[in-house]
N, C-alpha and C. Protein backbone atom coordinates (compact mmCIF):
# COMPACT_ATOMS: atom_id res chain seq x y z
N MET A 1 -84.94 180.89 115.34
CA MET A 1 -85.63 179.87 114.60
C MET A 1 -84.62 179.60 113.38
N SER A 2 -84.38 178.17 113.13
CA SER A 2 -83.22 177.79 112.25
C SER A 2 -84.03 177.89 110.83
N ASP A 3 -82.86 178.21 109.82
CA ASP A 3 -83.38 178.39 108.38
C ASP A 3 -83.45 176.71 108.04
N ASP A 4 -83.33 175.81 108.51
CA ASP A 4 -83.73 174.65 108.29
C ASP A 4 -85.19 174.06 108.38
N LEU A 5 -85.33 174.80 109.73
CA LEU A 5 -86.81 174.54 110.16
C LEU A 5 -87.97 175.28 109.31
N LYS A 6 -87.25 176.46 109.13
CA LYS A 6 -88.24 177.52 108.22
C LYS A 6 -88.42 176.77 106.79
N ALA A 7 -87.46 176.29 106.22
CA ALA A 7 -87.36 175.60 105.04
C ALA A 7 -88.20 174.57 105.09
N ARG A 8 -88.39 173.69 106.07
CA ARG A 8 -89.17 172.50 106.26
C ARG A 8 -90.53 172.66 106.13
N PHE A 9 -90.82 174.12 107.17
CA PHE A 9 -92.18 174.44 107.24
C PHE A 9 -92.87 174.79 106.09
N GLU A 10 -92.05 175.89 105.22
CA GLU A 10 -92.58 176.37 103.89
C GLU A 10 -92.86 175.10 102.88
N GLN A 11 -91.96 174.12 103.07
CA GLN A 11 -92.05 173.07 102.07
C GLN A 11 -93.50 172.12 102.70
N ALA A 12 -93.78 171.90 103.64
CA ALA A 12 -94.77 171.31 104.36
C ALA A 12 -96.00 172.05 104.11
N SER A 13 -96.05 173.26 104.17
CA SER A 13 -97.26 174.41 103.73
C SER A 13 -97.87 174.11 102.37
N GLN A 14 -96.51 173.80 101.41
CA GLN A 14 -96.77 173.56 99.82
C GLN A 14 -97.60 172.29 99.88
N GLU A 15 -96.43 171.18 100.61
CA GLU A 15 -97.17 169.94 100.18
C GLU A 15 -98.61 169.40 100.64
N VAL A 16 -99.19 170.22 101.73
CA VAL A 16 -100.31 169.91 102.17
C VAL A 16 -101.41 170.41 101.25
N THR A 17 -101.16 170.96 100.07
CA THR A 17 -101.95 171.85 99.11
C THR A 17 -102.07 170.75 98.23
N GLN A 18 -101.03 169.68 98.34
CA GLN A 18 -100.99 168.66 97.17
C GLN A 18 -101.32 167.36 97.26
N LEU A 19 -102.47 167.40 98.43
CA LEU A 19 -103.02 165.91 98.77
C LEU A 19 -104.10 165.71 97.90
N SER A 20 -104.09 164.58 97.46
CA SER A 20 -105.14 163.87 96.72
C SER A 20 -106.74 164.25 97.08
N GLN A 21 -106.83 164.19 98.10
CA GLN A 21 -108.26 164.51 99.25
C GLN A 21 -107.82 165.61 100.37
N ALA A 22 -108.65 166.50 100.18
CA ALA A 22 -108.79 167.74 101.05
C ALA A 22 -108.60 167.18 102.69
N PRO A 23 -108.18 167.62 103.62
CA PRO A 23 -108.07 167.30 104.82
C PRO A 23 -109.63 167.41 105.48
N ASP A 24 -110.06 166.88 106.50
CA ASP A 24 -111.20 167.00 106.90
C ASP A 24 -111.40 168.41 107.79
N ASN A 25 -112.57 168.92 108.14
CA ASN A 25 -112.51 170.28 108.91
C ASN A 25 -111.78 170.33 109.93
N MET A 26 -111.76 169.38 110.91
CA MET A 26 -110.96 169.27 112.06
C MET A 26 -109.24 169.64 111.83
N ALA A 27 -108.98 168.71 110.61
CA ALA A 27 -107.53 168.86 110.39
C ALA A 27 -107.16 170.23 109.63
N LYS A 28 -107.97 170.80 109.16
CA LYS A 28 -107.87 171.79 108.52
C LYS A 28 -107.89 172.97 109.73
N LEU A 29 -108.97 172.91 110.67
CA LEU A 29 -108.48 173.76 111.83
C LEU A 29 -107.35 173.75 112.60
N ARG A 30 -106.70 172.50 112.77
CA ARG A 30 -105.44 172.32 113.16
C ARG A 30 -104.77 172.98 112.11
N LEU A 31 -104.34 172.76 111.14
CA LEU A 31 -103.49 173.17 110.18
C LEU A 31 -103.33 174.92 110.36
N TYR A 32 -104.53 175.34 110.30
CA TYR A 32 -104.68 176.55 110.27
C TYR A 32 -104.09 177.32 111.69
N ALA A 33 -104.39 176.76 112.72
CA ALA A 33 -103.96 177.15 114.27
C ALA A 33 -102.61 177.20 114.10
N LEU A 34 -101.86 175.72 113.75
CA LEU A 34 -100.49 175.60 113.75
C LEU A 34 -99.65 176.58 112.69
N TYR A 35 -100.37 176.84 111.72
CA TYR A 35 -99.73 177.89 110.57
C TYR A 35 -99.54 179.21 111.39
N LYS A 36 -100.84 179.62 111.89
CA LYS A 36 -100.98 180.87 112.43
C LYS A 36 -99.97 181.09 113.80
N GLN A 37 -99.77 180.14 114.66
CA GLN A 37 -98.86 180.10 115.74
C GLN A 37 -97.51 180.22 115.23
N ALA A 38 -97.27 179.51 114.42
CA ALA A 38 -95.69 179.20 113.73
C ALA A 38 -95.49 180.66 113.16
N SER A 39 -96.35 181.29 112.25
CA SER A 39 -96.22 182.35 111.51
C SER A 39 -96.18 183.50 112.01
N ALA A 40 -97.22 183.77 113.37
CA ALA A 40 -97.32 185.03 113.79
C ALA A 40 -97.39 184.98 115.39
N GLY A 41 -97.07 183.94 115.98
CA GLY A 41 -97.01 183.67 117.51
C GLY A 41 -98.38 183.68 117.95
N ASP A 42 -98.24 184.32 119.17
CA ASP A 42 -99.67 183.99 120.07
C ASP A 42 -100.79 184.89 119.17
N CYS A 43 -102.15 184.33 119.45
CA CYS A 43 -103.39 184.91 119.02
C CYS A 43 -103.56 186.49 119.53
N THR A 44 -103.83 186.96 118.79
CA THR A 44 -104.32 188.52 118.77
C THR A 44 -105.84 188.90 118.32
N GLY A 45 -106.15 190.23 118.52
CA GLY A 45 -107.46 190.43 118.30
C GLY A 45 -108.23 190.03 118.97
N GLU A 46 -109.65 190.59 118.63
CA GLU A 46 -110.93 190.10 119.37
C GLU A 46 -111.27 188.86 118.55
N ARG A 47 -112.19 188.03 119.64
CA ARG A 47 -112.70 186.83 119.25
C ARG A 47 -113.86 187.36 118.43
N PRO A 48 -114.00 186.64 117.36
CA PRO A 48 -115.16 187.25 116.43
C PRO A 48 -116.71 186.73 116.98
N GLY A 49 -117.55 187.72 116.55
CA GLY A 49 -119.06 187.45 117.13
C GLY A 49 -119.71 186.18 116.85
N MET A 50 -120.77 185.99 117.29
CA MET A 50 -121.76 185.06 117.25
C MET A 50 -121.92 184.58 115.73
N LEU A 51 -122.03 185.98 115.27
CA LEU A 51 -122.62 185.56 113.45
C LEU A 51 -121.39 185.33 112.63
N ASN A 52 -120.44 185.13 113.24
CA ASN A 52 -119.14 184.60 112.43
C ASN A 52 -118.73 183.34 113.15
N PRO A 53 -119.26 182.06 112.89
CA PRO A 53 -118.80 180.74 113.25
C PRO A 53 -117.63 180.53 113.00
N ALA A 54 -117.44 180.43 111.81
CA ALA A 54 -116.04 180.02 111.47
C ALA A 54 -114.81 180.56 111.92
N GLY A 55 -114.82 181.67 111.78
CA GLY A 55 -114.01 182.88 112.53
C GLY A 55 -113.68 182.48 113.89
N ARG A 56 -114.77 182.17 114.70
CA ARG A 56 -114.71 181.76 116.21
C ARG A 56 -113.72 180.52 116.35
N PHE A 57 -114.28 179.83 115.26
CA PHE A 57 -113.73 178.34 115.60
C PHE A 57 -112.14 178.38 115.34
N LYS A 58 -111.77 179.14 114.32
CA LYS A 58 -110.51 179.72 113.96
C LYS A 58 -109.81 180.15 115.33
N TYR A 59 -110.53 181.46 115.53
CA TYR A 59 -109.91 182.18 116.69
C TYR A 59 -109.75 180.99 117.89
N ASP A 60 -110.40 180.40 118.35
CA ASP A 60 -110.33 179.35 119.38
C ASP A 60 -109.42 178.48 119.45
N ALA A 61 -109.16 177.94 117.87
CA ALA A 61 -108.17 176.74 117.61
C ALA A 61 -106.94 177.79 117.91
N TRP A 62 -106.38 178.70 117.43
CA TRP A 62 -105.20 179.67 117.36
C TRP A 62 -105.17 179.82 118.70
N LYS A 63 -106.18 180.28 119.68
CA LYS A 63 -105.84 180.72 120.71
C LYS A 63 -105.41 179.51 121.84
N ALA A 64 -106.03 178.52 121.59
CA ALA A 64 -105.61 177.07 122.37
C ALA A 64 -104.38 176.96 122.17
N LEU A 65 -103.58 177.31 121.16
CA LEU A 65 -102.07 177.14 121.13
C LEU A 65 -101.05 178.38 121.95
N GLU A 66 -101.83 179.19 122.53
CA GLU A 66 -101.19 180.25 123.16
C GLU A 66 -99.97 179.84 124.00
N GLY A 67 -98.67 180.52 123.83
CA GLY A 67 -97.70 179.93 124.83
C GLY A 67 -96.86 178.98 124.03
N THR A 68 -97.33 178.44 122.95
CA THR A 68 -96.25 177.41 122.17
C THR A 68 -95.43 178.17 121.45
N SER A 69 -94.31 178.06 121.33
CA SER A 69 -93.16 178.80 120.72
C SER A 69 -93.52 178.40 119.33
N GLN A 70 -92.87 179.43 118.55
CA GLN A 70 -93.22 179.53 116.91
C GLN A 70 -92.44 178.15 116.67
N ASP A 71 -91.13 177.78 116.93
CA ASP A 71 -90.52 176.76 116.56
C ASP A 71 -91.30 175.42 116.64
N ASP A 72 -91.74 175.17 117.89
CA ASP A 72 -92.60 174.10 118.47
C ASP A 72 -93.81 174.13 117.65
N ALA A 73 -94.44 175.19 117.25
CA ALA A 73 -95.57 175.22 116.30
C ALA A 73 -95.24 174.86 114.74
N MET A 74 -94.07 175.11 114.28
CA MET A 74 -93.67 174.72 113.09
C MET A 74 -93.51 173.24 113.14
N THR A 75 -92.52 172.89 114.09
CA THR A 75 -92.40 171.54 114.13
C THR A 75 -93.87 170.68 114.29
N GLN A 76 -94.59 170.91 114.97
CA GLN A 76 -96.01 170.25 115.27
C GLN A 76 -96.66 170.31 113.52
N TYR A 77 -96.56 171.38 112.92
CA TYR A 77 -97.13 171.52 111.59
C TYR A 77 -96.74 170.41 110.79
N ILE A 78 -95.40 170.48 110.59
CA ILE A 78 -94.48 169.58 109.92
C ILE A 78 -95.15 168.09 110.07
N GLU A 79 -95.00 167.91 111.19
CA GLU A 79 -95.29 166.49 111.74
C GLU A 79 -96.85 166.09 111.18
N PHE A 80 -97.63 167.00 111.44
CA PHE A 80 -99.31 166.65 110.93
C PHE A 80 -99.23 166.88 109.53
N VAL A 81 -98.55 167.53 108.73
CA VAL A 81 -98.57 167.40 107.20
C VAL A 81 -97.93 166.25 107.15
N GLU A 82 -96.83 165.66 107.55
CA GLU A 82 -96.17 164.28 107.44
C GLU A 82 -97.45 163.25 107.47
N GLU A 83 -98.30 163.27 109.05
CA GLU A 83 -99.28 162.44 108.88
C GLU A 83 -100.31 162.09 108.01
N LEU A 84 -100.71 163.57 107.45
CA LEU A 84 -101.62 163.65 106.46
C LEU A 84 -101.35 163.02 105.30
N LYS A 85 -100.27 163.36 104.89
CA LYS A 85 -99.52 162.61 103.70
C LYS A 85 -99.25 161.13 103.48
N ALA A 86 -99.06 160.75 104.70
CA ALA A 86 -99.10 159.15 104.97
C ALA A 86 -100.44 158.69 104.73
N ALA A 87 -101.27 159.05 105.12
CA ALA A 87 -103.00 158.71 105.30
C ALA A 87 -103.32 159.11 103.66
N ASP A 88 -103.04 159.97 103.15
CA ASP A 88 -103.13 160.23 101.75
C ASP A 88 -102.69 159.24 100.96
N GLN A 89 -101.67 158.73 101.38
CA GLN A 89 -100.82 157.55 100.23
C GLN A 89 -101.80 156.47 100.48
N GLN A 90 -102.21 156.01 101.63
CA GLN A 90 -103.01 154.61 101.84
C GLN A 90 -104.33 154.95 101.37
N ALA A 91 -105.00 155.70 101.00
CA ALA A 91 -106.20 156.11 100.61
C ALA A 91 -106.50 155.62 99.14
């Protein structure tokens, strides 16, 4: 993992919090999954139970990225934040 990629990833994770409108729930789920894959690697732990639907959605979204390298996840996260920023500026 290059220092430049890591710096751009950290910058993107800060920029996404500065959008004028919060992303919709599907975008938030994608951001969460990409962030977790980029920072922690493949999904770990048990899938949350039926009484925790939000936890299940987050777990499933992260699990779907299994096998994606941390560098690829960082790159996808940065690109997605750029898309959200562009849409935010047009709104």
